[in-house]
Amino acid sequence: MDHTIDTPLISSIYNRYGSKKGFLRYLFFQAAMYLGRYNRYRIKNLEHIQRIVFVCMGNICRSPLAEAYATSFGIEAESCGISCQEGFKADPRAIAYGKSLGVGLESHRTRSLQNFEFRPGDLVVGMEPAHLTALRKMALPGVSIGLAGLWCRRKIAYIHDPYNCSKGYFSHCESLIVDSVGRLLDQKKKAP
């Protein structure tokens, strides 16, 4: 959804953070990150990781791109959504963004977190702190939990859901996902 923007500042907020609420959440979670709240989600030892599972809310924008981008490098990856119905296609903007990278999302269908089968050796990567809370409640034995933005070049704790956001933010969000996944895979390759 494109917004009518009145000022350069508001335009910048919508294109970089998704919305005013997204900007406020970004600030709050960045402060929490700098205070060390998410240190345990900076997974450094990836040698035991067998599969990466990316999690977002609807499994149509952020996590499908992350999954497809990771698998394009030969990494075993999956994705699912915390609050979604099963069987829906990826967002057309995510499909187009993936296509621009040479990554196909056309065959993606949504999967619900509640029906997903996690296994020991999985690294489950959430896109925002609320996802971490949902994952911790599941008590997944032998599974590591990480936060996607902590792998970005400029570490961030909160990657806002781009579903109802401007075209500018959608592209910015997807570029954050690609940066995060690329650096995560580089780290995994370097693991002994």
Protein backbone atom coordinates (compact mmCIF):
# COMPACT_ATOMS: atom_id res chain seq x y z
CA MET A 1 0.00 0.00 0.00
CA ASP A 2 1.45 3.36 -0.98
CA HIS A 3 0.85 6.22 1.43
CA THR A 4 0.31 9.87 0.60
CA ILE A 5 3.30 11.50 2.24
CA ASP A 6 3.36 15.15 3.29
CA THR A 7 6.98 15.72 4.33
CA PRO A 8 10.42 14.31 3.52
CA LEU A 9 10.74 13.12 7.15
CA ILE A 10 7.47 11.16 7.03
CA SER A 11 8.36 9.80 3.60
CA SER A 12 11.71 8.64 4.97
CA ILE A 13 10.03 6.92 7.94
CA TYR A 14 7.58 5.05 5.68
CA ASN A 15 10.32 3.98 3.26
CA ARG A 16 12.86 2.94 5.88
CA TYR A 17 10.69 1.62 8.76
CA GLY A 18 7.35 0.78 7.14
CA SER A 19 5.16 3.00 9.29
CA LYS A 20 5.27 5.38 12.24
CA LYS A 21 4.53 2.42 14.52
CA GLY A 22 7.30 0.46 12.80
CA PHE A 23 9.71 3.34 13.46
CA LEU A 24 8.78 3.46 17.16
CA ARG A 25 9.15 -0.32 17.47
CA TYR A 26 12.50 -0.11 15.70
CA LEU A 27 13.72 2.48 18.23
CA PHE A 28 12.43 0.49 21.21
CA PHE A 29 13.94 -2.81 20.07
CA GLN A 30 17.23 -1.18 19.02
CA ALA A 31 17.58 0.22 22.54
CA ALA A 32 16.85 -3.23 23.98
CA MET A 33 19.43 -4.74 21.63
CA TYR A 34 22.12 -2.23 22.69
CA LEU A 35 21.33 -3.07 26.32
CA GLY A 36 22.07 -6.74 25.57
CA ARG A 37 18.54 -8.11 25.63
CA TYR A 38 19.01 -10.19 22.47
CA ASN A 39 22.61 -11.33 22.96
CA ARG A 40 21.53 -14.96 23.32
CA TYR A 41 20.01 -14.78 19.82
CA ARG A 42 23.37 -13.93 18.23
CA ILE A 43 24.11 -17.54 17.36
CA LYS A 44 27.82 -17.81 16.72
CA ASN A 45 28.41 -21.55 16.64
CA LEU A 46 26.70 -22.87 13.51
CA GLU A 47 28.64 -26.10 13.00
CA HIS A 48 25.83 -28.24 14.44
CA ILE A 49 23.08 -26.53 12.41
CA GLN A 50 21.49 -28.91 9.91
CA ARG A 51 18.59 -26.82 8.62
CA ILE A 52 17.52 -23.18 8.86
CA VAL A 53 13.84 -22.40 9.44
CA PHE A 54 12.77 -18.79 8.85
CA VAL A 55 9.71 -17.52 10.71
CA CYS A 56 7.54 -14.45 10.20
CA MET A 57 3.87 -13.64 10.79
CA GLY A 58 2.08 -14.61 7.57
CA ASN A 59 4.76 -16.58 5.71
CA ILE A 60 4.15 -14.54 2.55
CA CYS A 61 6.74 -11.70 2.56
CA ARG A 62 9.82 -12.05 4.78
CA SER A 63 10.32 -15.73 5.55
CA PRO A 64 9.58 -17.09 2.03
CA LEU A 65 12.27 -14.84 0.54
CA ALA A 66 14.72 -15.88 3.25
CA GLU A 67 13.98 -19.55 2.61
CA ALA A 68 14.26 -19.26 -1.18
CA TYR A 69 17.44 -17.19 -0.98
CA ALA A 70 19.11 -19.68 1.38
CA THR A 71 18.10 -22.70 -0.71
CA SER A 72 19.47 -20.99 -3.83
CA PHE A 73 22.90 -21.48 -2.22
CA GLY A 74 22.28 -25.17 -1.56
CA ILE A 75 21.40 -24.74 2.12
CA GLU A 76 18.55 -26.79 3.56
CA ALA A 77 15.96 -24.20 4.58
CA GLU A 78 12.23 -23.98 5.29
CA SER A 79 9.83 -21.25 6.40
CA CYS A 80 6.56 -20.91 8.29
CA GLY A 81 4.26 -18.28 9.73
CA ILE A 82 3.13 -17.64 13.29
CA SER A 83 -0.32 -16.44 12.28
CA CYS A 84 -1.28 -17.80 8.89
CA GLN A 85 -3.50 -20.22 7.12
CA GLU A 86 -1.90 -22.92 5.03
CA GLY A 87 -1.56 -23.03 1.26
CA PHE A 88 -1.43 -19.37 0.18
CA LYS A 89 1.08 -18.01 -2.33
CA ALA A 90 3.85 -15.56 -1.46
CA ASP A 91 3.08 -11.85 -1.81
CA PRO A 92 3.42 -10.82 -5.49
CA ARG A 93 5.97 -8.15 -4.47
CA ALA A 94 8.09 -10.82 -2.75
CA ILE A 95 7.86 -13.00 -5.86
CA ALA A 96 8.97 -10.05 -8.02
CA TYR A 97 11.82 -9.19 -5.63
CA GLY A 98 13.00 -12.79 -5.62
CA LYS A 99 12.83 -12.88 -9.41
CA SER A 100 15.11 -9.81 -9.53
CA LEU A 101 17.68 -11.91 -7.61
CA GLY A 102 17.17 -14.99 -9.76
CA VAL A 103 15.31 -16.71 -6.90
CA GLY A 104 11.93 -18.34 -7.50
CA LEU A 105 9.08 -17.99 -5.02
CA GLU A 106 6.27 -18.93 -7.41
CA SER A 107 5.82 -22.40 -5.90
CA HIS A 108 5.87 -21.20 -2.27
CA ARG A 109 2.79 -22.03 -0.18
CA THR A 110 2.25 -20.79 3.37
CA ARG A 111 2.84 -23.12 6.31
CA SER A 112 1.67 -22.57 9.86
CA LEU A 113 4.12 -22.64 12.77
CA GLN A 114 1.65 -24.79 14.72
CA ASN A 115 1.78 -27.54 12.07
CA PHE A 116 5.48 -27.28 11.29
CA GLU A 117 7.73 -30.16 12.35
CA PHE A 118 10.91 -28.86 13.92
CA ARG A 119 13.79 -31.22 14.48
CA PRO A 120 16.98 -31.20 16.55
CA GLY A 121 19.74 -29.33 14.73
CA ASP A 122 17.40 -26.65 13.36
CA LEU A 123 18.27 -22.98 13.59
CA VAL A 124 14.95 -21.13 13.78
CA VAL A 125 15.30 -17.49 12.73
CA GLY A 126 12.62 -14.94 13.66
CA MET A 127 12.29 -11.55 11.98
CA GLU A 128 11.33 -9.58 15.10
CA PRO A 129 11.39 -10.03 18.90
CA ALA A 130 7.71 -11.06 19.07
CA HIS A 131 8.63 -14.12 17.03
CA LEU A 132 11.23 -15.10 19.61
CA THR A 133 8.57 -15.06 22.32
CA ALA A 134 6.30 -17.37 20.31
CA LEU A 135 9.19 -19.74 19.58
CA ARG A 136 10.38 -19.88 23.21
CA LYS A 137 6.85 -20.83 24.34
CA MET A 138 7.04 -23.92 22.12
CA ALA A 139 10.02 -25.37 24.05
CA LEU A 140 11.75 -26.90 21.03
CA PRO A 141 14.40 -29.40 22.21
CA GLY A 142 17.72 -29.34 20.35
CA VAL A 143 16.73 -26.23 18.38
CA SER A 144 18.62 -22.93 18.34
CA ILE A 145 16.70 -19.66 18.01
CA GLY A 146 18.14 -16.59 16.30
CA LEU A 147 17.03 -13.10 15.30
CA ALA A 148 17.45 -12.31 11.58
CA GLY A 149 18.58 -8.69 11.89
CA LEU A 150 21.50 -9.65 14.12
CA TRP A 151 23.22 -11.01 11.02
CA CYS A 152 22.74 -7.78 9.02
CA ARG A 153 25.76 -5.63 8.26
CA ARG A 154 24.21 -2.95 10.49
CA LYS A 155 22.64 -5.07 13.21
CA ILE A 156 18.96 -4.48 13.88
CA ALA A 157 16.55 -6.18 16.27
CA TYR A 158 13.30 -5.49 14.42
CA ILE A 159 12.46 -6.01 10.74
CA HIS A 160 8.93 -4.64 10.36
CA ASP A 161 6.36 -6.70 8.43
CA PRO A 162 6.13 -5.06 4.97
CA TYR A 163 2.71 -6.49 4.08
CA ASN A 164 0.70 -3.24 4.26
CA CYS A 165 3.63 -0.91 3.70
CA SER A 166 4.88 1.33 0.91
CA LYS A 167 6.68 -0.02 -2.13
CA GLY A 168 9.84 1.70 -0.87
CA TYR A 169 9.73 -0.09 2.48
CA PHE A 170 8.87 -3.42 0.91
CA SER A 171 12.08 -3.26 -1.14
CA HIS A 172 14.07 -2.03 1.88
CA CYS A 173 12.71 -4.88 4.02
CA GLU A 174 13.51 -7.52 1.43
CA SER A 175 17.04 -6.09 1.06
CA LEU A 176 17.48 -6.49 4.85
CA ILE A 177 16.38 -10.13 4.56
CA VAL A 178 18.88 -10.77 1.75
CA ASP A 179 21.68 -9.09 3.74
CA SER A 180 20.83 -11.10 6.85
CA VAL A 181 20.60 -14.45 5.07
CA GLY A 182 23.76 -13.80 3.05
CA ARG A 183 25.80 -13.04 6.16
CA LEU A 184 24.27 -15.98 8.04
CA LEU A 185 25.28 -18.32 5.21
CA ASP A 186 28.80 -16.83 5.13
CA GLN A 187 29.09 -17.53 8.85
CA LYS A 188 27.79 -21.07 8.39
CA LYS A 189 30.34 -21.74 5.64
CA LYS A 190 33.16 -20.65 7.97
CA ALA A 191 31.99 -23.01 10.74
CA PRO A 192 34.41 -25.92 11.22
